[in-house]
């Protein structure tokens, strides 16, 4: 039988379902906001790490460029030391 009570019951059921759906949407929206903030933070950390890596690579290249000069100095020092003995 589909009387007024069953129609009212169906409408009440739909109303509860929509209310639940709205609560879930709100919860998902809040979770999405939190995830977006975390993603932004992680992207910032990645950018910082990449800048630090570039700086370290630059320092390493500068140090590597000095290796022949240091080797040459020590060779001169050892040569002079050997000649003095």
Protein backbone atom coordinates (compact mmCIF):
# COMPACT_ATOMS: atom_id res chain seq x y z
CA UNK A 1 0.00 0.00 0.00
CA UNK A 2 1.26 3.40 -0.86
CA UNK A 3 -0.66 5.65 1.38
CA UNK A 4 0.30 8.98 2.89
CA UNK A 5 2.32 7.24 5.62
CA UNK A 6 4.57 5.43 3.15
CA UNK A 7 5.05 8.63 1.15
CA UNK A 8 5.92 10.53 4.33
CA UNK A 9 8.24 7.69 5.38
CA UNK A 10 9.95 7.77 2.00
CA UNK A 11 10.35 11.55 2.18
CA UNK A 12 11.77 11.33 5.71
CA UNK A 13 14.21 8.64 4.57
CA UNK A 14 15.34 10.81 1.65
CA UNK A 15 15.69 13.81 3.94
CA UNK A 16 17.94 11.83 6.32
CA UNK A 17 19.94 10.47 3.39
CA UNK A 18 20.49 13.97 2.00
CA UNK A 19 21.47 15.27 5.44
CA UNK A 20 23.98 12.42 5.79
CA UNK A 21 25.27 13.16 2.30
CA UNK A 22 25.71 16.84 3.19
CA UNK A 23 27.63 15.93 6.35
CA UNK A 24 29.88 13.60 4.35
CA UNK A 25 30.47 16.30 1.74
CA UNK A 26 31.43 18.76 4.48
CA UNK A 27 33.78 16.22 6.07
CA UNK A 28 35.38 15.43 2.70
CA UNK A 29 35.73 19.12 1.97
CA UNK A 30 37.55 19.66 5.28
CA UNK A 31 39.80 16.67 4.59
CA UNK A 32 40.52 18.04 1.13
CA UNK A 33 41.47 21.41 2.62
CA UNK A 34 43.85 19.71 5.06
CA UNK A 35 45.39 17.62 2.28
CA UNK A 36 45.82 20.70 0.08
CA UNK A 37 47.60 22.51 2.93
CA UNK A 38 49.87 19.49 3.49
CA UNK A 39 50.61 19.30 -0.24
CA UNK A 40 51.55 22.99 -0.26
CA UNK A 41 53.84 22.45 2.75
CA UNK A 42 55.51 19.45 1.11
CA UNK A 43 56.02 21.35 -2.14
CA UNK A 44 57.72 24.09 -0.14
CA UNK A 45 59.99 21.54 1.53
CA UNK A 46 60.82 20.05 -1.86
CA UNK A 47 61.69 23.48 -3.25
CA UNK A 48 63.90 24.17 -0.21
CA UNK A 49 65.63 20.81 -0.67
CA UNK A 50 66.22 21.45 -4.35
CA UNK A 51 67.75 24.86 -3.59
CA UNK A 52 69.97 23.32 -0.92
CA UNK A 53 71.02 20.55 -3.32
CA UNK A 54 71.91 23.12 -5.99
CA UNK A 55 73.98 25.05 -3.45
CA UNK A 56 75.80 21.91 -2.33
CA UNK A 57 76.48 20.88 -5.93
CA UNK A 58 77.88 24.34 -6.62
CA UNK A 59 80.16 24.12 -3.57
CA UNK A 60 81.27 20.64 -4.60
CA UNK A 61 82.12 21.85 -8.10
CA UNK A 62 84.11 24.74 -6.65
CA UNK A 63 85.98 22.34 -4.36
CA UNK A 64 86.63 19.96 -7.26
CA UNK A 65 88.02 22.85 -9.31
CA UNK A 66 90.51 23.54 -6.51
CA UNK A 67 91.78 19.95 -6.33
CA UNK A 68 94.42 20.36 -9.08
CA UNK A 69 95.69 23.55 -7.42
CA UNK A 70 95.98 21.83 -4.04
CA UNK A 71 97.71 18.84 -5.64
CA UNK A 72 100.14 21.16 -7.40
CA UNK A 73 100.93 22.99 -4.14
CA UNK A 74 101.59 19.76 -2.28
CA UNK A 75 103.75 18.43 -5.10
CA UNK A 76 105.82 21.63 -4.97
CA UNK A 77 106.05 21.36 -1.18
CA UNK A 78 107.10 17.73 -1.28
CA UNK A 79 109.57 18.40 -4.09
CA UNK A 80 111.12 21.28 -2.15
CA UNK A 81 111.19 19.18 1.03
CA UNK A 82 112.89 16.33 -0.80
CA UNK A 83 115.45 18.70 -2.32
CA UNK A 84 116.29 20.17 1.10
CA UNK A 85 117.03 16.76 2.58
